[in-house]
C-alpha cells in the first residue's frame, strides 16, 4: 500500500503582521525558512497560489510578505489559508526512518500482536509535540498517542501499517495500607 499524495501541507497563514501586507506563517517544515524556497505555493482556496517574499524567522513563526499583497487589510483576508507544495519540489527520502506525515495517513495501526486497532487519521501537534491519531473504523472513536519511537516503534509505509505500543498509565503514588 502506498498512499502518497502529490501535495504536502507545509504551513498555514496566520495573523497579519504590520501595515504593509506582511503575514505570520506557522510552518510544518523541518527548517522553518525552507517554506520560502519552494517557489509558488498552492493553497486550499481555489485558484489562489502565493509566492512568499523575504521570509524571516521571528520567534516560532515565519514572517513574510506575499507577492501582490501590499496592505494589512488584504493580508488579514488570508488568515487561515493552508499552504501546500508539490512533492516533487521536496527532497527524496532515502532513510526508512524518515517520512512525510502525509504518508502515514490511512496506514493500519496494529498492536505488537498484529491486531488492527484502526487507521491513522491525523498527526496533530497542539504545542507539546506530535501526536498520532488513530480512528477505530467500527466505532468511529479516535485515540491519541504520543508520536514517539517508544509508542510507534515500527513504520512500514510500503506495507501499509505501523505498530502502536499502547502506553500504560503510570500508577499514582499510593500509601500502602496498614
N, C-alpha and C. Protein backbone atom coordinates (compact mmCIF):
# COMPACT_ATOMS: atom_id res chain seq x y z
N UNK A 1 0.85 -1.19 0.00
CA UNK A 1 0.00 0.00 0.00
C UNK A 1 0.89 1.24 0.00
N UNK A 2 0.55 2.19 -0.82
CA UNK A 2 1.31 3.43 -0.87
C UNK A 2 0.32 4.56 -1.08
N UNK A 3 0.13 5.39 -0.06
CA UNK A 3 -0.89 6.44 -0.13
C UNK A 3 -0.27 7.82 -0.29
N UNK A 4 0.85 7.92 -0.98
CA UNK A 4 1.50 9.21 -1.18
C UNK A 4 0.60 10.12 -2.00
N UNK A 5 0.54 11.36 -1.60
CA UNK A 5 -0.19 12.35 -2.37
C UNK A 5 0.83 13.29 -3.00
N UNK A 6 0.40 14.04 -4.00
CA UNK A 6 1.32 14.96 -4.66
C UNK A 6 1.48 16.27 -3.91
N UNK A 7 0.53 16.64 -3.07
CA UNK A 7 0.62 17.89 -2.31
C UNK A 7 0.96 17.60 -0.87
N UNK A 8 1.94 18.35 -0.36
CA UNK A 8 2.35 18.20 1.03
C UNK A 8 2.02 19.50 1.76
N UNK A 9 1.31 19.39 2.87
CA UNK A 9 0.95 20.53 3.71
C UNK A 9 2.21 21.04 4.39
N UNK A 10 2.59 22.32 4.12
CA UNK A 10 3.84 22.84 4.67
C UNK A 10 3.64 24.01 5.62
N UNK A 11 2.43 24.55 5.71
CA UNK A 11 2.23 25.67 6.62
C UNK A 11 0.85 26.26 6.53
N UNK A 12 0.62 27.23 7.41
CA UNK A 12 -0.67 27.92 7.44
C UNK A 12 -0.45 29.39 7.76
N UNK A 13 -1.10 30.23 6.98
CA UNK A 13 -1.00 31.66 7.20
C UNK A 13 -1.82 32.02 8.43
N UNK A 14 -1.24 32.87 9.26
CA UNK A 14 -1.93 33.32 10.47
C UNK A 14 -2.26 34.80 10.35
N UNK A 15 -2.08 35.50 11.42
CA UNK A 15 -2.45 36.91 11.51
C UNK A 15 -1.58 37.79 10.61
N UNK A 16 -2.14 38.94 10.27
CA UNK A 16 -1.37 39.94 9.53
C UNK A 16 -0.25 40.46 10.44
N UNK A 17 0.83 40.93 9.81
CA UNK A 17 1.98 41.44 10.56
C UNK A 17 2.36 42.80 9.98
N UNK A 18 2.12 43.85 10.71
CA UNK A 18 2.44 45.19 10.24
C UNK A 18 1.35 45.74 9.33
N UNK A 19 1.64 46.90 8.74
CA UNK A 19 0.62 47.57 7.92
C UNK A 19 0.87 47.45 6.41
N UNK A 20 1.98 46.80 6.04
CA UNK A 20 2.33 46.74 4.63
C UNK A 20 2.09 45.36 4.00
N UNK A 21 1.23 44.56 4.61
CA UNK A 21 0.84 43.29 3.99
C UNK A 21 1.61 42.07 4.43
N UNK A 22 2.39 42.18 5.48
CA UNK A 22 3.10 41.01 5.98
C UNK A 22 2.16 40.05 6.69
N UNK A 23 2.54 38.77 6.74
CA UNK A 23 1.75 37.75 7.44
C UNK A 23 2.67 36.88 8.28
N UNK A 24 2.08 36.27 9.30
CA UNK A 24 2.78 35.28 10.11
C UNK A 24 2.38 33.92 9.55
N UNK A 25 3.36 33.03 9.46
CA UNK A 25 3.10 31.71 8.91
C UNK A 25 3.62 30.66 9.89
N UNK A 26 2.76 29.74 10.28
CA UNK A 26 3.17 28.58 11.06
C UNK A 26 3.62 27.54 10.06
N UNK A 27 4.88 27.13 10.15
CA UNK A 27 5.40 26.16 9.18
C UNK A 27 5.42 24.76 9.75
N UNK A 28 5.35 23.80 8.84
CA UNK A 28 5.44 22.38 9.21
C UNK A 28 6.59 21.75 8.44
N UNK A 29 7.66 22.51 8.31
CA UNK A 29 8.87 22.03 7.64
C UNK A 29 9.96 21.89 8.69
N UNK A 30 10.90 21.01 8.45
CA UNK A 30 11.97 20.79 9.42
C UNK A 30 12.74 22.10 9.65
N UNK A 31 13.07 22.80 8.57
CA UNK A 31 13.68 24.12 8.65
C UNK A 31 12.58 25.13 8.32
N UNK A 32 12.13 25.92 9.29
CA UNK A 32 11.01 26.83 9.03
C UNK A 32 11.20 27.75 7.82
N UNK A 33 12.41 28.21 7.57
CA UNK A 33 12.63 29.12 6.45
C UNK A 33 12.61 28.41 5.10
N UNK A 34 12.65 27.09 5.09
CA UNK A 34 12.60 26.34 3.84
C UNK A 34 11.30 26.61 3.08
N UNK A 35 10.26 26.99 3.79
CA UNK A 35 8.97 27.25 3.14
C UNK A 35 9.10 28.33 2.06
N UNK A 36 10.07 29.21 2.20
CA UNK A 36 10.27 30.26 1.21
C UNK A 36 11.09 29.84 0.01
N UNK A 37 11.60 28.61 0.01
CA UNK A 37 12.47 28.16 -1.08
C UNK A 37 11.77 27.28 -2.10
N UNK A 38 10.51 26.95 -1.88
CA UNK A 38 9.81 26.01 -2.75
C UNK A 38 9.13 26.66 -3.95
N UNK A 39 9.25 27.98 -4.06
CA UNK A 39 8.58 28.67 -5.17
C UNK A 39 7.12 28.92 -4.83
N UNK A 40 6.29 29.14 -5.84
CA UNK A 40 4.87 29.40 -5.57
C UNK A 40 4.24 28.22 -4.82
N UNK A 41 3.40 28.57 -3.84
CA UNK A 41 2.74 27.56 -3.01
C UNK A 41 1.27 27.49 -3.36
N UNK A 42 0.76 26.27 -3.47
CA UNK A 42 -0.68 26.07 -3.67
C UNK A 42 -1.37 26.34 -2.33
N UNK A 43 -2.66 26.62 -2.38
CA UNK A 43 -3.43 26.88 -1.16
C UNK A 43 -4.71 26.06 -1.18
N UNK A 44 -5.43 26.13 -0.07
CA UNK A 44 -6.72 25.46 0.00
C UNK A 44 -7.85 26.35 -0.50
N UNK A 45 -7.53 27.49 -1.08
CA UNK A 45 -8.53 28.36 -1.71
C UNK A 45 -8.43 28.17 -3.22
N UNK A 46 -9.52 27.78 -3.85
CA UNK A 46 -9.49 27.53 -5.29
C UNK A 46 -8.93 28.72 -6.08
N UNK A 47 -7.96 28.42 -6.94
CA UNK A 47 -7.38 29.43 -7.81
C UNK A 47 -6.32 30.31 -7.17
N UNK A 48 -6.07 30.17 -5.88
CA UNK A 48 -5.10 31.02 -5.20
C UNK A 48 -3.77 30.30 -5.05
N UNK A 49 -2.74 30.87 -5.63
CA UNK A 49 -1.36 30.42 -5.46
C UNK A 49 -0.59 31.62 -4.95
N UNK A 50 0.31 31.39 -4.01
CA UNK A 50 1.04 32.53 -3.45
C UNK A 50 2.55 32.34 -3.56
N UNK A 51 3.24 33.47 -3.60
CA UNK A 51 4.70 33.46 -3.60
C UNK A 51 5.16 34.29 -2.42
N UNK A 52 5.98 33.70 -1.56
CA UNK A 52 6.48 34.38 -0.38
C UNK A 52 7.68 35.26 -0.75
N UNK A 53 7.71 36.44 -0.16
CA UNK A 53 8.80 37.38 -0.37
C UNK A 53 9.45 37.70 0.97
N UNK A 54 10.77 37.61 1.01
CA UNK A 54 11.57 37.95 2.18
C UNK A 54 11.11 37.26 3.47
N UNK A 55 11.00 35.94 3.47
CA UNK A 55 10.63 35.28 4.72
C UNK A 55 11.75 35.41 5.74
N UNK A 56 11.36 35.61 7.00
CA UNK A 56 12.34 35.67 8.08
C UNK A 56 11.73 35.02 9.32
N UNK A 57 12.58 34.47 10.14
CA UNK A 57 12.13 33.80 11.35
C UNK A 57 11.96 34.83 12.46
N UNK A 58 10.81 34.78 13.11
CA UNK A 58 10.56 35.64 14.27
C UNK A 58 9.94 34.77 15.36
N UNK A 59 10.73 34.47 16.35
CA UNK A 59 10.36 33.56 17.44
C UNK A 59 9.98 32.21 16.84
N UNK A 60 8.71 31.81 16.96
CA UNK A 60 8.32 30.48 16.49
C UNK A 60 7.50 30.50 15.20
N UNK A 61 7.49 31.61 14.47
CA UNK A 61 6.78 31.70 13.19
C UNK A 61 7.67 32.35 12.14
N UNK A 62 7.29 32.17 10.90
CA UNK A 62 7.96 32.86 9.81
C UNK A 62 7.10 34.07 9.48
N UNK A 63 7.74 35.21 9.31
CA UNK A 63 7.05 36.43 8.87
C UNK A 63 7.50 36.68 7.44
N UNK A 64 6.54 36.91 6.55
CA UNK A 64 6.87 37.13 5.14
C UNK A 64 5.83 38.04 4.51
N UNK A 65 6.19 38.57 3.35
CA UNK A 65 5.23 39.28 2.52
C UNK A 65 4.81 38.33 1.40
N UNK A 66 3.66 38.57 0.85
CA UNK A 66 3.14 37.75 -0.24
C UNK A 66 3.04 38.64 -1.46
N UNK A 67 3.57 38.13 -2.56
CA UNK A 67 3.54 38.89 -3.81
C UNK A 67 2.10 39.34 -4.11
N UNK A 68 1.93 40.64 -4.35
CA UNK A 68 0.62 41.20 -4.67
C UNK A 68 -0.19 41.66 -3.48
N UNK A 69 0.27 41.38 -2.28
CA UNK A 69 -0.44 41.81 -1.07
C UNK A 69 0.37 42.96 -0.48
N UNK A 70 -0.24 44.16 -0.45
CA UNK A 70 0.50 45.35 -0.06
C UNK A 70 -0.07 46.10 1.13
N UNK A 71 -1.15 45.60 1.72
CA UNK A 71 -1.69 46.29 2.89
C UNK A 71 -2.26 45.29 3.89
N UNK A 72 -2.42 45.76 5.10
CA UNK A 72 -2.88 44.91 6.19
C UNK A 72 -4.24 44.28 5.92
N UNK A 73 -5.12 45.04 5.32
CA UNK A 73 -6.48 44.55 5.04
C UNK A 73 -6.44 43.31 4.14
N UNK A 74 -5.64 43.37 3.08
CA UNK A 74 -5.53 42.23 2.17
C UNK A 74 -4.86 41.05 2.88
N UNK A 75 -3.86 41.32 3.73
CA UNK A 75 -3.19 40.25 4.46
C UNK A 75 -4.14 39.57 5.44
N UNK A 76 -5.02 40.34 6.07
CA UNK A 76 -5.99 39.76 7.01
C UNK A 76 -6.94 38.79 6.33
N UNK A 77 -7.21 39.00 5.06
CA UNK A 77 -8.11 38.11 4.32
C UNK A 77 -7.50 36.71 4.09
N UNK A 78 -6.20 36.59 4.29
CA UNK A 78 -5.52 35.31 4.08
C UNK A 78 -5.36 34.49 5.35
N UNK A 79 -5.79 35.03 6.48
CA UNK A 79 -5.68 34.32 7.75
C UNK A 79 -6.36 32.96 7.65
N UNK A 80 -5.64 31.91 8.00
CA UNK A 80 -6.19 30.55 8.00
C UNK A 80 -5.95 29.78 6.72
N UNK A 81 -5.38 30.41 5.70
CA UNK A 81 -5.13 29.72 4.43
C UNK A 81 -4.01 28.70 4.62
N UNK A 82 -4.26 27.46 4.20
CA UNK A 82 -3.25 26.39 4.27
C UNK A 82 -2.38 26.43 3.03
N UNK A 83 -1.09 26.11 3.22
CA UNK A 83 -0.11 26.18 2.14
C UNK A 83 0.42 24.78 1.82
N UNK A 84 0.54 24.51 0.53
CA UNK A 84 0.97 23.19 0.07
C UNK A 84 2.07 23.33 -0.98
N UNK A 85 2.93 22.34 -1.04
CA UNK A 85 3.97 22.29 -2.06
C UNK A 85 3.87 20.93 -2.75
N UNK A 86 4.18 20.91 -4.02
CA UNK A 86 4.18 19.66 -4.75
C UNK A 86 5.32 18.78 -4.25
N UNK A 87 5.04 17.52 -4.04
CA UNK A 87 6.03 16.57 -3.50
C UNK A 87 7.32 16.57 -4.32
N UNK A 88 7.23 16.80 -5.62
CA UNK A 88 8.42 16.76 -6.48
C UNK A 88 9.42 17.87 -6.14
N UNK A 89 8.98 18.92 -5.43
CA UNK A 89 9.88 20.00 -5.05
C UNK A 89 10.60 19.73 -3.74
N UNK A 90 10.24 18.65 -3.08
CA UNK A 90 10.86 18.29 -1.80
C UNK A 90 11.93 17.23 -2.02
N UNK A 91 12.88 17.16 -1.10
CA UNK A 91 13.94 16.16 -1.24
C UNK A 91 13.37 14.74 -1.17
N UNK A 92 13.99 13.84 -1.92
CA UNK A 92 13.61 12.42 -1.84
C UNK A 92 14.01 11.89 -0.48
N UNK A 93 13.26 10.94 0.00
CA UNK A 93 13.54 10.34 1.31
C UNK A 93 14.32 9.06 1.07
N UNK A 94 15.52 8.99 1.67
CA UNK A 94 16.37 7.82 1.48
C UNK A 94 16.36 6.88 2.67
N UNK A 95 16.14 7.43 3.86
CA UNK A 95 16.21 6.65 5.09
C UNK A 95 14.82 6.12 5.43
N UNK A 96 14.73 4.85 5.78
CA UNK A 96 13.43 4.26 6.11
C UNK A 96 12.82 4.85 7.38
N UNK A 97 13.63 5.53 8.20
CA UNK A 97 13.11 6.17 9.40
C UNK A 97 12.61 7.59 9.14
N UNK A 98 12.75 8.08 7.91
CA UNK A 98 12.25 9.40 7.54
C UNK A 98 11.02 9.26 6.65
N UNK A 99 10.11 10.20 6.79
CA UNK A 99 8.87 10.15 6.00
C UNK A 99 8.18 11.49 6.13
N UNK A 100 7.23 11.73 5.27
CA UNK A 100 6.36 12.88 5.40
C UNK A 100 5.11 12.43 6.15
N UNK A 101 4.63 13.27 7.05
CA UNK A 101 3.46 12.89 7.85
C UNK A 101 2.29 12.44 6.97
N UNK A 102 2.12 13.08 5.83
CA UNK A 102 1.01 12.73 4.95
C UNK A 102 1.07 11.28 4.49
N UNK A 103 2.28 10.70 4.47
CA UNK A 103 2.43 9.31 4.05
C UNK A 103 1.88 8.33 5.08
N UNK A 104 1.67 8.80 6.31
CA UNK A 104 1.16 7.92 7.37
C UNK A 104 -0.36 7.86 7.41
N UNK A 105 -1.01 8.90 6.88
CA UNK A 105 -2.47 8.96 6.92
C UNK A 105 -3.04 7.76 6.14
N UNK A 106 -3.91 7.03 6.79
CA UNK A 106 -4.54 5.87 6.16
C UNK A 106 -3.85 4.54 6.44
N UNK A 107 -2.66 4.58 7.05
CA UNK A 107 -2.00 3.32 7.38
C UNK A 107 -2.78 2.59 8.47
N UNK A 108 -2.75 1.26 8.43
CA UNK A 108 -3.33 0.47 9.51
C UNK A 108 -2.47 0.66 10.75
N UNK A 109 -3.11 0.79 11.89
CA UNK A 109 -2.42 0.84 13.17
C UNK A 109 -2.64 -0.51 13.84
N UNK A 110 -1.54 -1.20 14.11
CA UNK A 110 -1.62 -2.54 14.68
C UNK A 110 -0.90 -2.57 16.02
N UNK A 111 -1.38 -3.46 16.87
CA UNK A 111 -0.68 -3.74 18.12
C UNK A 111 0.48 -4.67 17.80
N UNK A 112 1.35 -4.88 18.76
CA UNK A 112 2.51 -5.75 18.55
C UNK A 112 2.11 -7.18 18.18
N UNK A 113 0.93 -7.61 18.62
CA UNK A 113 0.47 -8.97 18.31
C UNK A 113 -0.21 -9.07 16.94
N UNK A 114 -0.25 -7.95 16.19
CA UNK A 114 -0.80 -7.97 14.83
C UNK A 114 -2.25 -7.56 14.72
N UNK A 115 -2.94 -7.37 15.84
CA UNK A 115 -4.34 -6.97 15.81
C UNK A 115 -4.45 -5.52 15.36
N UNK A 116 -5.29 -5.27 14.36
CA UNK A 116 -5.50 -3.91 13.85
C UNK A 116 -6.46 -3.18 14.78
N UNK A 117 -6.05 -1.99 15.23
CA UNK A 117 -6.90 -1.20 16.13
C UNK A 117 -7.51 0.02 15.44
N UNK A 118 -7.16 0.24 14.19
CA UNK A 118 -7.72 1.36 13.46
C UNK A 118 -6.78 1.83 12.37
N UNK A 119 -7.04 3.05 11.91
CA UNK A 119 -6.22 3.66 10.87
C UNK A 119 -5.73 5.01 11.34
N UNK A 120 -4.55 5.41 10.87
CA UNK A 120 -4.01 6.71 11.19
C UNK A 120 -4.87 7.75 10.48
N UNK A 121 -5.42 8.69 11.26
CA UNK A 121 -6.28 9.72 10.66
C UNK A 121 -5.67 11.11 10.69
N UNK A 122 -4.67 11.34 11.54
CA UNK A 122 -4.04 12.67 11.61
C UNK A 122 -2.77 12.58 12.44
N UNK A 123 -1.92 13.61 12.28
CA UNK A 123 -0.72 13.76 13.11
C UNK A 123 -0.77 15.19 13.67
N UNK A 124 -1.62 15.42 14.69
CA UNK A 124 -1.74 16.78 15.23
C UNK A 124 -0.57 17.13 16.15
N UNK A 125 -0.39 18.41 16.33
CA UNK A 125 0.59 18.92 17.29
C UNK A 125 -0.04 20.15 17.92
N UNK A 126 -0.36 20.05 19.19
CA UNK A 126 -1.01 21.14 19.91
C UNK A 126 -0.01 21.95 20.72
N UNK A 127 1.27 21.79 20.41
CA UNK A 127 2.30 22.59 21.06
C UNK A 127 3.26 21.82 21.95
N UNK A 128 2.91 20.61 22.31
CA UNK A 128 3.77 19.84 23.20
C UNK A 128 4.40 18.64 22.49
N UNK A 129 4.37 18.63 21.18
CA UNK A 129 4.95 17.53 20.41
C UNK A 129 3.89 16.85 19.57
N UNK A 130 4.37 16.09 18.59
CA UNK A 130 3.44 15.40 17.68
C UNK A 130 2.70 14.29 18.40
N UNK A 131 1.45 14.13 17.99
CA UNK A 131 0.61 13.02 18.45
C UNK A 131 0.23 12.23 17.20
N UNK A 132 -0.19 11.01 17.40
CA UNK A 132 -0.72 10.23 16.28
C UNK A 132 -2.16 9.87 16.64
N UNK A 133 -3.07 10.18 15.72
CA UNK A 133 -4.49 9.96 15.95
C UNK A 133 -4.91 8.71 15.19
N UNK A 134 -5.49 7.77 15.92
CA UNK A 134 -5.94 6.51 15.36
C UNK A 134 -7.47 6.47 15.45
N UNK A 135 -8.12 6.20 14.31
CA UNK A 135 -9.58 6.12 14.27
C UNK A 135 -10.00 4.65 14.13
N UNK A 136 -10.86 4.23 15.05
CA UNK A 136 -11.43 2.89 15.00
C UNK A 136 -12.55 2.91 13.96
N UNK A 137 -12.44 2.15 12.87
CA UNK A 137 -13.43 2.21 11.80
C UNK A 137 -14.80 1.68 12.21
N UNK A 138 -14.86 0.82 13.20
CA UNK A 138 -16.14 0.27 13.62
C UNK A 138 -16.93 1.24 14.49
N UNK A 139 -16.29 1.84 15.48
CA UNK A 139 -16.99 2.73 16.40
C UNK A 139 -16.90 4.19 15.98
N UNK A 140 -15.88 4.52 15.18
CA UNK A 140 -15.65 5.92 14.81
C UNK A 140 -14.89 6.69 15.87
N UNK A 141 -14.59 6.06 17.00
CA UNK A 141 -13.83 6.71 18.07
C UNK A 141 -12.40 6.97 17.62
N UNK A 142 -11.82 8.04 18.14
CA UNK A 142 -10.41 8.33 17.85
C UNK A 142 -9.62 8.28 19.15
N UNK A 143 -8.36 7.89 19.01
CA UNK A 143 -7.46 7.76 20.14
C UNK A 143 -6.17 8.49 19.79
N UNK A 144 -5.64 9.26 20.73
CA UNK A 144 -4.40 9.99 20.53
C UNK A 144 -3.29 9.33 21.35
N UNK A 145 -2.15 9.16 20.69
CA UNK A 145 -0.97 8.60 21.35
C UNK A 145 0.21 9.52 21.08
N UNK A 146 1.17 9.57 21.99
CA UNK A 146 2.39 10.35 21.70
C UNK A 146 3.07 9.74 20.47
N UNK A 147 3.50 10.58 19.55
CA UNK A 147 4.18 10.08 18.36
C UNK A 147 5.67 10.03 18.65
N UNK A 148 6.07 8.95 19.31
CA UNK A 148 7.46 8.76 19.71
C UNK A 148 7.90 7.37 19.27
N UNK A 149 9.19 7.14 19.28
CA UNK A 149 9.74 5.84 18.90
C UNK A 149 9.29 4.75 19.88
N UNK A 150 9.07 5.11 21.15
CA UNK A 150 8.62 4.13 22.14
C UNK A 150 7.19 3.67 21.86
N UNK A 151 6.33 4.57 21.42
CA UNK A 151 4.92 4.24 21.18
C UNK A 151 4.70 3.75 19.76
N UNK A 152 5.46 4.29 18.81
CA UNK A 152 5.35 3.88 17.41
C UNK A 152 6.74 3.38 16.96
N UNK A 153 7.11 2.16 17.38
CA UNK A 153 8.46 1.68 17.10
C UNK A 153 8.69 1.23 15.66
N UNK A 154 7.61 0.88 14.95
CA UNK A 154 7.75 0.34 13.60
C UNK A 154 6.79 1.04 12.65
N UNK A 155 7.34 1.53 11.54
CA UNK A 155 6.51 2.15 10.50
C UNK A 155 6.89 1.48 9.19
N UNK A 156 5.93 0.84 8.55
CA UNK A 156 6.13 0.14 7.28
C UNK A 156 5.20 0.76 6.23
N UNK A 157 5.61 1.89 5.68
CA UNK A 157 4.75 2.62 4.74
C UNK A 157 4.43 1.76 3.52
N UNK A 158 5.44 1.12 2.93
CA UNK A 158 5.22 0.33 1.72
C UNK A 158 4.31 -0.88 1.97
N UNK A 159 4.30 -1.35 3.22
CA UNK A 159 3.46 -2.49 3.56
C UNK A 159 2.10 -2.05 4.12
N UNK A 160 1.94 -0.75 4.38
CA UNK A 160 0.64 -0.21 4.76
C UNK A 160 0.27 -0.28 6.23
N UNK A 161 1.26 -0.35 7.12
CA UNK A 161 0.91 -0.40 8.54
C UNK A 161 2.01 0.20 9.40
N UNK A 162 1.64 0.44 10.66
CA UNK A 162 2.60 0.80 11.69
C UNK A 162 2.18 0.11 12.97
N UNK A 163 3.12 0.00 13.88
CA UNK A 163 2.87 -0.68 15.16
C UNK A 163 2.73 0.36 16.25
N UNK A 164 1.69 0.18 17.07
CA UNK A 164 1.45 1.03 18.24
C UNK A 164 1.67 0.20 19.49
N UNK A 165 2.51 0.70 20.38
CA UNK A 165 2.68 0.10 21.70
C UNK A 165 1.92 1.02 22.65
N UNK A 166 0.75 0.58 23.08
CA UNK A 166 -0.12 1.42 23.90
C UNK A 166 0.54 1.67 25.25
N UNK A 167 0.79 2.97 25.56
CA UNK A 167 1.41 3.27 26.85
C UNK A 167 0.45 2.96 28.00
N UNK A 168 0.99 2.42 29.06
CA UNK A 168 0.17 2.13 30.24
C UNK A 168 0.22 3.33 31.15
N UNK A 169 -0.89 3.63 31.79
CA UNK A 169 -0.90 4.72 32.76
C UNK A 169 0.03 4.38 33.91
N UNK A 170 0.82 5.35 34.29
CA UNK A 170 1.71 5.14 35.43
C UNK A 170 0.90 5.13 36.71
N UNK A 171 1.14 4.17 37.59
CA UNK A 171 0.36 4.13 38.83
C UNK A 171 0.70 5.33 39.69
N UNK A 172 -0.31 5.89 40.29
CA UNK A 172 -0.10 7.03 41.18
C UNK A 172 0.52 6.53 42.49
N UNK A 173 1.33 7.37 43.10
CA UNK A 173 1.94 7.01 44.37
C UNK A 173 0.84 6.87 45.41
N UNK A 174 0.74 5.73 45.96
CA UNK A 174 -0.27 5.49 46.99
C UNK A 174 0.43 4.97 48.23
N UNK A 175 -0.11 5.35 49.35
CA UNK A 175 0.43 4.81 50.59
C UNK A 175 -0.07 3.39 50.73
N UNK A 176 0.82 2.54 51.26
CA UNK A 176 0.40 1.17 51.46
C UNK A 176 -0.51 1.10 52.68
N UNK A 177 -1.53 0.24 52.56
CA UNK A 177 -2.44 0.11 53.72
C UNK A 177 -1.72 -0.46 54.93
N UNK A 178 -2.17 -0.04 56.13
CA UNK A 178 -1.54 -0.53 57.38
C UNK A 178 -2.06 -1.85 57.78
